Amino acid sequence: MEFFSNLDPFIKVFWFIAIPTSVVFLIQTVMTFVGVDSHDGLSADFDSDLHHGDSTFQLFTFRNLVNFLLGFSWTGISFYGVIENKTILVALSIFVGSAFIGVFFFIISQIQKLAEDNSFKIDNTLNQVGSVYLTIPPKKSGKGKVQVSVKGAFHELDAITENGKIESSAMVRIVRIEGNNLVVVERI
């Protein structure tokens, strides 16, 4: 503690912010890699949405406070001996703390771009073109099978037609969905 007693009170403030903030940041980092805080930093206890395209970011979160204080305090400590004007030093520290939040938003937005929903929903097959895999009998007298590509993956679905028989390998369009795995097709 002798180190702190000999410091100028102005720099003491930066140190008293930097040490606990750094400890909290390290704990958050470990918790992130362990997976304990899978949604922390993307939600807040109050309504303060910042809309960026498709995703919603929260400005006032504990994680953003830690990011700001981390940049603010360590900038103040780093430039204390270089910048003699304390107003400029505080302004630079505020700028760097805000930049830390901006970098965090940028990183999260890039990570969210990697997420995509590739789960199959039969509704996505409507009006899609596919090929007949097993012959479809005429006028709902039985089922055949069609193969259709949805989001880059082929799916095999039971199919019926309201028109005449459709042979294997014929190209069809899905015109209606009936049930979880049954589609109504027409020849194209």
N, C-alpha and C. Protein backbone atom coordinates (compact mmCIF):
# COMPACT_ATOMS: atom_id res chain seq x y z
N MET A 1 0.81 -1.21 0.00
CA MET A 1 0.00 0.00 0.00
C MET A 1 0.84 1.26 0.00
N GLU A 2 2.14 1.11 0.24
CA GLU A 2 3.02 2.27 0.21
C GLU A 2 3.05 2.89 -1.18
N PHE A 3 2.88 2.05 -2.21
CA PHE A 3 2.86 2.52 -3.59
C PHE A 3 1.75 3.56 -3.78
N PHE A 4 0.56 3.27 -3.25
CA PHE A 4 -0.57 4.18 -3.41
C PHE A 4 -0.45 5.43 -2.56
N SER A 5 0.15 5.33 -1.42
CA SER A 5 0.23 6.51 -0.53
C SER A 5 1.13 7.61 -1.09
N ASN A 6 2.08 7.27 -1.95
CA ASN A 6 2.98 8.25 -2.53
C ASN A 6 2.47 8.84 -3.84
N LEU A 7 1.32 8.37 -4.34
CA LEU A 7 0.81 8.84 -5.62
C LEU A 7 -0.01 10.11 -5.49
N ASP A 8 -0.05 10.85 -6.60
CA ASP A 8 -0.91 12.02 -6.71
C ASP A 8 -2.37 11.55 -6.63
N PRO A 9 -3.24 12.27 -5.92
CA PRO A 9 -4.65 11.84 -5.80
C PRO A 9 -5.34 11.64 -7.15
N PHE A 10 -4.94 12.38 -8.16
CA PHE A 10 -5.56 12.25 -9.48
C PHE A 10 -5.31 10.87 -10.09
N ILE A 11 -4.07 10.40 -10.02
CA ILE A 11 -3.74 9.08 -10.56
C ILE A 11 -4.26 7.96 -9.67
N LYS A 12 -4.42 8.23 -8.37
CA LYS A 12 -5.00 7.23 -7.47
C LYS A 12 -6.40 6.84 -7.93
N VAL A 13 -7.16 7.83 -8.39
CA VAL A 13 -8.52 7.55 -8.87
C VAL A 13 -8.46 6.55 -10.03
N PHE A 14 -7.55 6.78 -10.97
CA PHE A 14 -7.42 5.85 -12.09
C PHE A 14 -7.05 4.44 -11.61
N TRP A 15 -6.11 4.36 -10.64
CA TRP A 15 -5.71 3.05 -10.12
C TRP A 15 -6.85 2.37 -9.37
N PHE A 16 -7.61 3.15 -8.59
CA PHE A 16 -8.72 2.55 -7.83
C PHE A 16 -9.87 2.10 -8.74
N ILE A 17 -9.91 2.64 -9.95
CA ILE A 17 -10.89 2.15 -10.94
C ILE A 17 -10.30 0.96 -11.69
N ALA A 18 -9.03 1.03 -12.06
CA ALA A 18 -8.40 0.01 -12.91
C ALA A 18 -8.30 -1.35 -12.24
N ILE A 19 -7.91 -1.40 -10.98
CA ILE A 19 -7.66 -2.70 -10.33
C ILE A 19 -8.95 -3.53 -10.21
N PRO A 20 -10.02 -3.00 -9.59
CA PRO A 20 -11.22 -3.85 -9.51
C PRO A 20 -11.85 -4.13 -10.87
N THR A 21 -11.77 -3.15 -11.78
CA THR A 21 -12.35 -3.37 -13.11
C THR A 21 -11.59 -4.47 -13.84
N SER A 22 -10.28 -4.49 -13.72
CA SER A 22 -9.48 -5.53 -14.36
C SER A 22 -9.79 -6.91 -13.79
N VAL A 23 -9.99 -6.97 -12.48
CA VAL A 23 -10.34 -8.25 -11.85
C VAL A 23 -11.70 -8.74 -12.35
N VAL A 24 -12.67 -7.83 -12.41
CA VAL A 24 -14.00 -8.20 -12.91
C VAL A 24 -13.92 -8.62 -14.37
N PHE A 25 -13.12 -7.91 -15.16
CA PHE A 25 -12.96 -8.25 -16.58
C PHE A 25 -12.36 -9.65 -16.73
N LEU A 26 -11.37 -9.97 -15.93
CA LEU A 26 -10.77 -11.31 -15.99
C LEU A 26 -11.78 -12.39 -15.61
N ILE A 27 -12.58 -12.12 -14.58
CA ILE A 27 -13.62 -13.08 -14.18
C ILE A 27 -14.63 -13.26 -15.31
N GLN A 28 -15.06 -12.14 -15.93
CA GLN A 28 -15.99 -12.23 -17.05
C GLN A 28 -15.40 -13.03 -18.21
N THR A 29 -14.12 -12.82 -18.48
CA THR A 29 -13.47 -13.53 -19.58
C THR A 29 -13.43 -15.02 -19.32
N VAL A 30 -13.07 -15.41 -18.12
CA VAL A 30 -13.05 -16.84 -17.77
C VAL A 30 -14.47 -17.40 -17.86
N MET A 31 -15.45 -16.68 -17.34
CA MET A 31 -16.84 -17.15 -17.38
C MET A 31 -17.32 -17.28 -18.83
N THR A 32 -16.89 -16.39 -19.71
CA THR A 32 -17.28 -16.46 -21.11
C THR A 32 -16.74 -17.73 -21.76
N PHE A 33 -15.45 -18.03 -21.52
CA PHE A 33 -14.86 -19.23 -22.11
C PHE A 33 -15.42 -20.51 -21.53
N VAL A 34 -15.85 -20.45 -20.28
CA VAL A 34 -16.47 -21.62 -19.65
C VAL A 34 -17.92 -21.77 -20.11
N GLY A 35 -18.54 -20.68 -20.53
CA GLY A 35 -19.91 -20.71 -21.02
C GLY A 35 -20.94 -20.36 -19.98
N VAL A 36 -20.52 -19.77 -18.86
CA VAL A 36 -21.45 -19.46 -17.77
C VAL A 36 -22.33 -18.26 -18.11
N ASP A 37 -21.81 -17.32 -18.89
CA ASP A 37 -22.56 -16.09 -19.18
C ASP A 37 -22.94 -16.01 -20.65
N SER A 38 -23.62 -17.02 -21.15
CA SER A 38 -23.87 -17.12 -22.59
C SER A 38 -24.68 -15.98 -23.16
N HIS A 39 -25.44 -15.25 -22.38
CA HIS A 39 -26.20 -14.14 -22.93
C HIS A 39 -25.91 -12.82 -22.23
N ASP A 40 -24.95 -12.77 -21.33
CA ASP A 40 -24.63 -11.53 -20.61
C ASP A 40 -24.08 -10.50 -21.58
N GLY A 41 -24.46 -9.26 -21.40
CA GLY A 41 -23.96 -8.19 -22.24
C GLY A 41 -24.88 -7.87 -23.40
N LEU A 42 -25.87 -8.72 -23.66
CA LEU A 42 -26.80 -8.46 -24.74
C LEU A 42 -28.18 -8.09 -24.22
N SER A 43 -28.35 -8.03 -22.92
CA SER A 43 -29.63 -7.64 -22.37
C SER A 43 -29.41 -6.76 -21.15
N ALA A 44 -30.44 -5.97 -20.85
CA ALA A 44 -30.35 -5.05 -19.71
C ALA A 44 -31.60 -5.18 -18.86
N ASP A 45 -31.55 -4.57 -17.68
CA ASP A 45 -32.69 -4.62 -16.79
C ASP A 45 -33.72 -3.54 -17.10
N PHE A 46 -33.43 -2.69 -18.05
CA PHE A 46 -34.34 -1.62 -18.41
C PHE A 46 -34.30 -1.42 -19.90
N ASP A 47 -35.26 -0.66 -20.44
CA ASP A 47 -35.40 -0.49 -21.87
C ASP A 47 -34.44 0.57 -22.39
N SER A 48 -33.37 0.13 -23.04
CA SER A 48 -32.41 1.07 -23.62
C SER A 48 -31.86 0.48 -24.91
N ASP A 49 -32.77 0.07 -25.80
CA ASP A 49 -32.37 -0.61 -27.03
C ASP A 49 -31.62 0.31 -27.97
N LEU A 50 -30.59 -0.23 -28.58
CA LEU A 50 -29.90 0.41 -29.70
C LEU A 50 -30.06 -0.55 -30.87
N HIS A 51 -30.80 -0.17 -31.86
CA HIS A 51 -31.07 -1.07 -32.97
C HIS A 51 -30.00 -0.90 -34.04
N HIS A 52 -29.34 -2.00 -34.37
CA HIS A 52 -28.33 -2.03 -35.42
C HIS A 52 -28.75 -3.10 -36.40
N GLY A 53 -29.45 -2.73 -37.46
CA GLY A 53 -29.86 -3.71 -38.44
C GLY A 53 -30.83 -4.71 -37.83
N ASP A 54 -30.47 -5.99 -37.94
CA ASP A 54 -31.34 -7.05 -37.46
C ASP A 54 -31.19 -7.33 -35.98
N SER A 55 -30.09 -6.91 -35.38
CA SER A 55 -29.83 -7.28 -33.99
C SER A 55 -30.06 -6.11 -33.05
N THR A 56 -30.32 -6.43 -31.82
CA THR A 56 -30.56 -5.42 -30.79
C THR A 56 -29.41 -5.46 -29.80
N PHE A 57 -28.81 -4.30 -29.56
CA PHE A 57 -27.75 -4.18 -28.57
C PHE A 57 -28.26 -3.33 -27.43
N GLN A 58 -27.76 -3.59 -26.25
CA GLN A 58 -28.10 -2.81 -25.08
C GLN A 58 -26.90 -1.94 -24.73
N LEU A 59 -27.12 -0.66 -24.55
CA LEU A 59 -26.03 0.25 -24.23
C LEU A 59 -25.64 0.15 -22.77
N PHE A 60 -26.61 0.13 -21.87
CA PHE A 60 -26.33 0.16 -20.44
C PHE A 60 -26.37 -1.24 -19.85
N THR A 61 -25.24 -1.94 -19.95
CA THR A 61 -25.10 -3.26 -19.34
C THR A 61 -23.87 -3.26 -18.45
N PHE A 62 -23.80 -4.23 -17.59
CA PHE A 62 -22.65 -4.36 -16.71
C PHE A 62 -21.37 -4.59 -17.52
N ARG A 63 -21.48 -5.41 -18.56
CA ARG A 63 -20.31 -5.69 -19.40
C ARG A 63 -19.81 -4.41 -20.08
N ASN A 64 -20.72 -3.58 -20.57
CA ASN A 64 -20.30 -2.33 -21.20
C ASN A 64 -19.69 -1.37 -20.18
N LEU A 65 -20.21 -1.35 -18.96
CA LEU A 65 -19.62 -0.52 -17.91
C LEU A 65 -18.18 -0.97 -17.63
N VAL A 66 -17.98 -2.28 -17.54
CA VAL A 66 -16.64 -2.81 -17.31
C VAL A 66 -15.72 -2.46 -18.48
N ASN A 67 -16.21 -2.61 -19.71
CA ASN A 67 -15.40 -2.27 -20.89
C ASN A 67 -15.01 -0.80 -20.87
N PHE A 68 -15.98 0.08 -20.58
CA PHE A 68 -15.69 1.51 -20.54
C PHE A 68 -14.66 1.84 -19.46
N LEU A 69 -14.90 1.34 -18.24
CA LEU A 69 -13.99 1.65 -17.13
C LEU A 69 -12.60 1.07 -17.36
N LEU A 70 -12.51 -0.07 -18.03
CA LEU A 70 -11.22 -0.66 -18.35
C LEU A 70 -10.43 0.25 -19.28
N GLY A 71 -11.06 0.70 -20.36
CA GLY A 71 -10.38 1.61 -21.29
C GLY A 71 -10.08 2.96 -20.65
N PHE A 72 -11.04 3.47 -19.89
CA PHE A 72 -10.89 4.77 -19.23
C PHE A 72 -9.72 4.77 -18.24
N SER A 73 -9.70 3.79 -17.35
CA SER A 73 -8.70 3.79 -16.28
C SER A 73 -7.29 3.50 -16.79
N TRP A 74 -7.15 2.52 -17.65
CA TRP A 74 -5.81 2.17 -18.12
C TRP A 74 -5.25 3.23 -19.07
N THR A 75 -6.11 3.95 -19.78
CA THR A 75 -5.63 5.08 -20.59
C THR A 75 -5.13 6.19 -19.68
N GLY A 76 -5.88 6.48 -18.63
CA GLY A 76 -5.44 7.51 -17.68
C GLY A 76 -4.12 7.16 -17.03
N ILE A 77 -3.94 5.90 -16.66
CA ILE A 77 -2.69 5.46 -16.04
C ILE A 77 -1.55 5.53 -17.06
N SER A 78 -1.81 5.07 -18.26
CA SER A 78 -0.77 5.00 -19.29
C SER A 78 -0.27 6.37 -19.72
N PHE A 79 -1.16 7.34 -19.83
CA PHE A 79 -0.78 8.66 -20.35
C PHE A 79 -0.61 9.72 -19.27
N TYR A 80 -0.65 9.33 -18.01
CA TYR A 80 -0.54 10.30 -16.91
C TYR A 80 0.79 11.06 -16.96
N GLY A 81 1.86 10.38 -17.23
CA GLY A 81 3.16 11.03 -17.28
C GLY A 81 3.44 11.74 -18.58
N VAL A 82 2.66 11.46 -19.63
CA VAL A 82 2.89 12.04 -20.95
C VAL A 82 2.05 13.29 -21.16
N ILE A 83 0.79 13.24 -20.75
CA ILE A 83 -0.13 14.37 -20.94
C ILE A 83 -0.26 15.11 -19.61
N GLU A 84 0.24 16.32 -19.57
CA GLU A 84 0.21 17.08 -18.31
C GLU A 84 -1.13 17.74 -18.05
N ASN A 85 -1.87 18.10 -19.09
CA ASN A 85 -3.18 18.74 -18.93
C ASN A 85 -4.20 17.66 -18.53
N LYS A 86 -4.72 17.78 -17.32
CA LYS A 86 -5.62 16.75 -16.78
C LYS A 86 -6.95 16.70 -17.53
N THR A 87 -7.41 17.82 -18.05
CA THR A 87 -8.66 17.85 -18.81
C THR A 87 -8.51 17.04 -20.10
N ILE A 88 -7.39 17.23 -20.78
CA ILE A 88 -7.14 16.47 -22.01
C ILE A 88 -6.98 14.98 -21.68
N LEU A 89 -6.33 14.67 -20.59
CA LEU A 89 -6.15 13.28 -20.17
C LEU A 89 -7.49 12.61 -19.90
N VAL A 90 -8.37 13.30 -19.18
CA VAL A 90 -9.70 12.74 -18.90
C VAL A 90 -10.50 12.59 -20.19
N ALA A 91 -10.42 13.59 -21.08
CA ALA A 91 -11.14 13.52 -22.36
C ALA A 91 -10.64 12.33 -23.19
N LEU A 92 -9.32 12.15 -23.25
CA LEU A 92 -8.76 11.01 -23.98
C LEU A 92 -9.20 9.69 -23.34
N SER A 93 -9.22 9.64 -22.03
CA SER A 93 -9.64 8.42 -21.32
C SER A 93 -11.10 8.10 -21.61
N ILE A 94 -11.95 9.13 -21.63
CA ILE A 94 -13.37 8.92 -21.96
C ILE A 94 -13.51 8.43 -23.40
N PHE A 95 -12.74 9.00 -24.31
CA PHE A 95 -12.78 8.58 -25.71
C PHE A 95 -12.38 7.11 -25.85
N VAL A 96 -11.28 6.73 -25.21
CA VAL A 96 -10.81 5.34 -25.32
C VAL A 96 -11.80 4.39 -24.65
N GLY A 97 -12.38 4.77 -23.51
CA GLY A 97 -13.40 3.94 -22.87
C GLY A 97 -14.60 3.73 -23.77
N SER A 98 -15.03 4.80 -24.44
CA SER A 98 -16.14 4.69 -25.40
C SER A 98 -15.75 3.82 -26.59
N ALA A 99 -14.50 3.94 -27.02
CA ALA A 99 -14.02 3.11 -28.13
C ALA A 99 -14.04 1.63 -27.76
N PHE A 100 -13.74 1.31 -26.49
CA PHE A 100 -13.81 -0.08 -26.03
C PHE A 100 -15.23 -0.62 -26.21
N ILE A 101 -16.23 0.18 -25.89
CA ILE A 101 -17.63 -0.24 -26.06
C ILE A 101 -17.92 -0.42 -27.55
N GLY A 102 -17.45 0.50 -28.38
CA GLY A 102 -17.66 0.40 -29.83
C GLY A 102 -17.02 -0.86 -30.40
N VAL A 103 -15.82 -1.18 -29.95
CA VAL A 103 -15.14 -2.39 -30.42
C VAL A 103 -15.92 -3.63 -29.97
N PHE A 104 -16.44 -3.61 -28.74
CA PHE A 104 -17.23 -4.73 -28.25
C PHE A 104 -18.49 -4.92 -29.12
N PHE A 105 -19.19 -3.82 -29.44
CA PHE A 105 -20.37 -3.91 -30.30
C PHE A 105 -20.00 -4.47 -31.67
N PHE A 106 -18.88 -4.02 -32.22
CA PHE A 106 -18.45 -4.50 -33.53
C PHE A 106 -18.16 -6.00 -33.49
N ILE A 107 -17.44 -6.45 -32.48
CA ILE A 107 -17.11 -7.87 -32.37
C ILE A 107 -18.37 -8.72 -32.22
N ILE A 108 -19.30 -8.28 -31.37
CA ILE A 108 -20.54 -9.03 -31.18
C ILE A 108 -21.35 -9.07 -32.47
N SER A 109 -21.42 -7.95 -33.21
CA SER A 109 -22.18 -7.94 -34.46
C SER A 109 -21.56 -8.89 -35.48
N GLN A 110 -20.23 -8.99 -35.51
CA GLN A 110 -19.57 -9.92 -36.43
C GLN A 110 -19.83 -11.37 -36.01
N ILE A 111 -19.85 -11.63 -34.72
CA ILE A 111 -20.13 -12.98 -34.24
C ILE A 111 -21.57 -13.37 -34.56
N GLN A 112 -22.50 -12.43 -34.41
CA GLN A 112 -23.90 -12.74 -34.68
C GLN A 112 -24.15 -13.01 -36.17
N LYS A 113 -23.32 -12.49 -37.04
CA LYS A 113 -23.45 -12.78 -38.46
C LYS A 113 -23.14 -14.24 -38.76
N LEU A 114 -22.37 -14.88 -37.88
CA LEU A 114 -22.02 -16.28 -38.09
C LEU A 114 -23.17 -17.22 -37.76
N ALA A 115 -24.13 -16.75 -36.98
CA ALA A 115 -25.25 -17.59 -36.58
C ALA A 115 -26.32 -17.59 -37.66
N GLU A 116 -26.78 -18.77 -38.02
CA GLU A 116 -27.88 -18.85 -38.95
C GLU A 116 -28.75 -20.05 -38.59
N ASP A 117 -30.02 -19.91 -38.87
CA ASP A 117 -30.97 -20.97 -38.56
C ASP A 117 -31.14 -21.86 -39.78
N ASN A 118 -30.57 -23.04 -39.74
CA ASN A 118 -30.70 -23.98 -40.85
C ASN A 118 -31.66 -25.11 -40.54
N SER A 119 -32.50 -24.92 -39.55
CA SER A 119 -33.47 -25.97 -39.24
C SER A 119 -34.51 -26.02 -40.36
N PHE A 120 -34.93 -27.24 -40.69
CA PHE A 120 -35.88 -27.42 -41.78
C PHE A 120 -37.29 -27.08 -41.32
N LYS A 121 -37.94 -26.23 -42.10
CA LYS A 121 -39.35 -25.91 -41.89
C LYS A 121 -40.06 -26.20 -43.20
N ILE A 122 -41.06 -27.02 -43.13
CA ILE A 122 -41.75 -27.42 -44.36
C ILE A 122 -42.37 -26.23 -45.08
N ASP A 123 -42.69 -25.16 -44.34
CA ASP A 123 -43.26 -23.96 -44.97
C ASP A 123 -42.29 -23.35 -45.99
N ASN A 124 -40.99 -23.58 -45.82
CA ASN A 124 -40.00 -23.04 -46.75
C ASN A 124 -40.02 -23.74 -48.11
N THR A 125 -40.74 -24.85 -48.23
CA THR A 125 -40.80 -25.58 -49.50
C THR A 125 -41.89 -25.04 -50.42
N LEU A 126 -42.79 -24.24 -49.92
CA LEU A 126 -43.90 -23.72 -50.73
C LEU A 126 -43.36 -22.95 -51.93
N ASN A 127 -43.87 -23.28 -53.11
CA ASN A 127 -43.49 -22.70 -54.41
C ASN A 127 -42.08 -23.08 -54.85
N GLN A 128 -41.45 -24.01 -54.17
CA GLN A 128 -40.13 -24.49 -54.58
C GLN A 128 -40.27 -25.55 -55.67
N VAL A 129 -39.25 -25.66 -56.47
CA VAL A 129 -39.22 -26.66 -57.54
C VAL A 129 -38.40 -27.85 -57.05
N GLY A 130 -38.90 -29.03 -57.35
CA GLY A 130 -38.21 -30.25 -56.97
C GLY A 130 -38.39 -31.31 -58.04
N SER A 131 -37.89 -32.49 -57.78
CA SER A 131 -38.05 -33.59 -58.74
C SER A 131 -38.74 -34.76 -58.05
N VAL A 132 -39.50 -35.49 -58.85
CA VAL A 132 -40.22 -36.64 -58.33
C VAL A 132 -39.23 -37.78 -58.14
N TYR A 133 -39.23 -38.34 -56.93
CA TYR A 133 -38.33 -39.44 -56.59
C TYR A 133 -39.05 -40.77 -56.78
N LEU A 134 -40.28 -40.88 -56.26
CA LEU A 134 -41.15 -42.05 -56.48
C LEU A 134 -42.41 -41.56 -57.16
N THR A 135 -42.84 -42.26 -58.16
CA THR A 135 -44.00 -41.85 -58.96
C THR A 135 -45.18 -41.49 -58.07
N ILE A 136 -45.83 -40.38 -58.43
CA ILE A 136 -47.00 -39.91 -57.67
C ILE A 136 -48.24 -40.36 -58.43
N PRO A 137 -49.10 -41.18 -57.77
CA PRO A 137 -50.32 -41.67 -58.45
C PRO A 137 -51.32 -40.53 -58.69
N PRO A 138 -52.28 -40.73 -59.62
CA PRO A 138 -53.23 -39.67 -59.97
C PRO A 138 -54.27 -39.41 -58.88
N LYS A 139 -54.73 -38.16 -58.81
CA LYS A 139 -55.89 -37.69 -58.02
C LYS A 139 -55.96 -38.25 -56.61
N LYS A 140 -54.95 -38.06 -55.81
CA LYS A 140 -54.93 -38.42 -54.40
C LYS A 140 -55.22 -39.90 -54.13
N SER A 141 -54.87 -40.77 -55.08
CA SER A 141 -55.11 -42.21 -54.85
C SER A 141 -53.91 -42.87 -54.18
N GLY A 142 -52.95 -42.10 -53.78
CA GLY A 142 -51.78 -42.61 -53.09
C GLY A 142 -50.72 -41.52 -53.01
N LYS A 143 -49.60 -41.89 -52.43
CA LYS A 143 -48.52 -40.92 -52.26
C LYS A 143 -47.31 -41.33 -53.06
N GLY A 144 -46.59 -40.32 -53.47
CA GLY A 144 -45.28 -40.53 -54.06
C GLY A 144 -44.27 -39.75 -53.22
N LYS A 145 -43.10 -39.57 -53.75
CA LYS A 145 -42.08 -38.80 -53.03
C LYS A 145 -41.42 -37.81 -53.98
N VAL A 146 -41.11 -36.64 -53.40
CA VAL A 146 -40.37 -35.63 -54.15
C VAL A 146 -39.12 -35.25 -53.36
N GLN A 147 -38.11 -34.81 -54.11
CA GLN A 147 -36.91 -34.26 -53.49
C GLN A 147 -36.88 -32.78 -53.81
N VAL A 148 -36.66 -31.98 -52.76
CA VAL A 148 -36.61 -30.53 -52.93
C VAL A 148 -35.43 -29.98 -52.12
N SER A 149 -34.79 -28.96 -52.66
CA SER A 149 -33.66 -28.35 -51.97
C SER A 149 -34.15 -27.10 -51.23
N VAL A 150 -33.86 -27.05 -49.92
CA VAL A 150 -34.20 -25.89 -49.09
C VAL A 150 -32.94 -25.50 -48.33
N LYS A 151 -32.51 -24.26 -48.52
CA LYS A 151 -31.31 -23.72 -47.86
C LYS A 151 -30.09 -24.61 -48.09
N GLY A 152 -29.97 -25.13 -49.31
CA GLY A 152 -28.80 -25.90 -49.67
C GLY A 152 -28.83 -27.36 -49.27
N ALA A 153 -29.90 -27.84 -48.67
CA ALA A 153 -30.00 -29.24 -48.26
C ALA A 153 -31.20 -29.89 -48.94
N PHE A 154 -31.02 -31.11 -49.42
CA PHE A 154 -32.11 -31.83 -50.07
C PHE A 154 -32.97 -32.53 -49.02
N HIS A 155 -34.29 -32.46 -49.26
CA HIS A 155 -35.24 -33.12 -48.37
C HIS A 155 -36.18 -33.97 -49.21
N GLU A 156 -36.51 -35.13 -48.67
CA GLU A 156 -37.44 -36.03 -49.34
C GLU A 156 -38.77 -35.94 -48.61
N LEU A 157 -39.82 -35.61 -49.38
CA LEU A 157 -41.13 -35.39 -48.77
C LEU A 157 -42.18 -36.25 -49.47
N ASP A 158 -43.17 -36.69 -48.71
CA ASP A 158 -44.32 -37.37 -49.30
C ASP A 158 -45.09 -36.36 -50.12
N ALA A 159 -45.59 -36.80 -51.28
CA ALA A 159 -46.28 -35.87 -52.18
C ALA A 159 -47.52 -36.50 -52.79
N ILE A 160 -48.51 -35.67 -53.01
CA ILE A 160 -49.71 -36.06 -53.75
C ILE A 160 -49.94 -35.01 -54.83
N THR A 161 -50.81 -35.35 -55.78
CA THR A 161 -51.15 -34.41 -56.83
C THR A 161 -52.65 -34.40 -57.03
N GLU A 162 -53.18 -33.30 -57.49
CA GLU A 162 -54.61 -33.20 -57.77
C GLU A 162 -54.88 -33.44 -59.25
N ASN A 163 -53.83 -33.64 -60.02
CA ASN A 163 -53.94 -33.88 -61.45
C ASN A 163 -53.56 -35.33 -61.74
N GLY A 164 -53.15 -35.61 -62.96
CA GLY A 164 -52.78 -36.97 -63.36
C GLY A 164 -51.48 -37.43 -62.74
N LYS A 165 -51.17 -38.69 -63.04
CA LYS A 165 -49.97 -39.33 -62.52
C LYS A 165 -48.72 -38.55 -62.95
N ILE A 166 -47.75 -38.46 -62.04
CA ILE A 166 -46.48 -37.79 -62.34
C ILE A 166 -45.38 -38.82 -62.18
N GLU A 167 -44.63 -39.05 -63.26
CA GLU A 167 -43.57 -40.07 -63.30
C GLU A 167 -42.33 -39.61 -62.54
N SER A 168 -41.50 -40.58 -62.19
CA SER A 168 -40.21 -40.30 -61.55
C SER A 168 -39.36 -39.41 -62.45
N SER A 169 -38.57 -38.57 -61.83
CA SER A 169 -37.64 -37.63 -62.47
C SER A 169 -38.32 -36.41 -63.08
N ALA A 170 -39.65 -36.33 -63.01
CA ALA A 170 -40.34 -35.15 -63.54
C ALA A 170 -40.12 -33.97 -62.59
N MET A 171 -40.09 -32.78 -63.15
CA MET A 171 -39.93 -31.57 -62.36
C MET A 171 -41.32 -31.11 -61.90
N VAL A 172 -41.42 -30.76 -60.62
CA VAL A 172 -42.70 -30.34 -60.04
C VAL A 172 -42.49 -29.09 -59.19
N ARG A 173 -43.60 -28.40 -58.96
CA ARG A 173 -43.61 -27.25 -58.05
C ARG A 173 -44.55 -27.57 -56.90
N ILE A 174 -44.12 -27.24 -55.69
CA ILE A 174 -44.95 -27.47 -54.51
C ILE A 174 -45.95 -26.33 -54.42
N VAL A 175 -47.25 -26.66 -54.46
CA VAL A 175 -48.29 -25.64 -54.47
C VAL A 175 -49.01 -25.50 -53.14
N ARG A 176 -48.96 -26.56 -52.32
CA ARG A 176 -49.65 -26.50 -51.03
C ARG A 176 -49.00 -27.49 -50.07
N ILE A 177 -49.17 -27.21 -48.79
CA ILE A 177 -48.63 -28.09 -47.76
C ILE A 177 -49.79 -28.66 -46.96
N GLU A 178 -49.79 -29.97 -46.79
CA GLU A 178 -50.82 -30.62 -45.99
C GLU A 178 -50.12 -31.52 -44.97
N GLY A 179 -50.21 -31.15 -43.72
CA GLY A 179 -49.58 -31.95 -42.67
C GLY A 179 -48.11 -31.63 -42.51
N ASN A 180 -47.44 -32.47 -41.71
CA ASN A 180 -46.04 -32.20 -41.38
C ASN A 180 -45.07 -32.61 -42.46
N ASN A 181 -45.42 -33.60 -43.29
CA ASN A 181 -44.47 -34.08 -44.28
C ASN A 181 -45.16 -34.39 -45.60
N LEU A 182 -46.29 -33.78 -45.85
CA LEU A 182 -47.05 -34.05 -47.08
C LEU A 182 -47.23 -32.76 -47.86
N VAL A 183 -46.88 -32.80 -49.15
CA VAL A 183 -47.02 -31.63 -50.00
C VAL A 183 -47.86 -31.98 -51.21
N VAL A 184 -48.54 -30.96 -51.74
CA VAL A 184 -49.31 -31.10 -52.97
C VAL A 184 -48.48 -30.46 -54.07
N VAL A 185 -48.26 -31.22 -55.17
CA VAL A 185 -47.39 -30.74 -56.24
C VAL A 185 -48.14 -30.70 -57.56
N GLU A 186 -47.58 -29.94 -58.50
CA GLU A 186 -48.08 -29.95 -59.87
C GLU A 186 -46.88 -30.00 -60.80
N ARG A 187 -47.07 -30.65 -61.94
CA ARG A 187 -45.99 -30.78 -62.94
C ARG A 187 -45.71 -29.41 -63.55
N ILE A 188 -44.41 -29.15 -63.80
CA ILE A 188 -44.06 -27.89 -64.49
C ILE A 188 -43.41 -28.19 -65.81
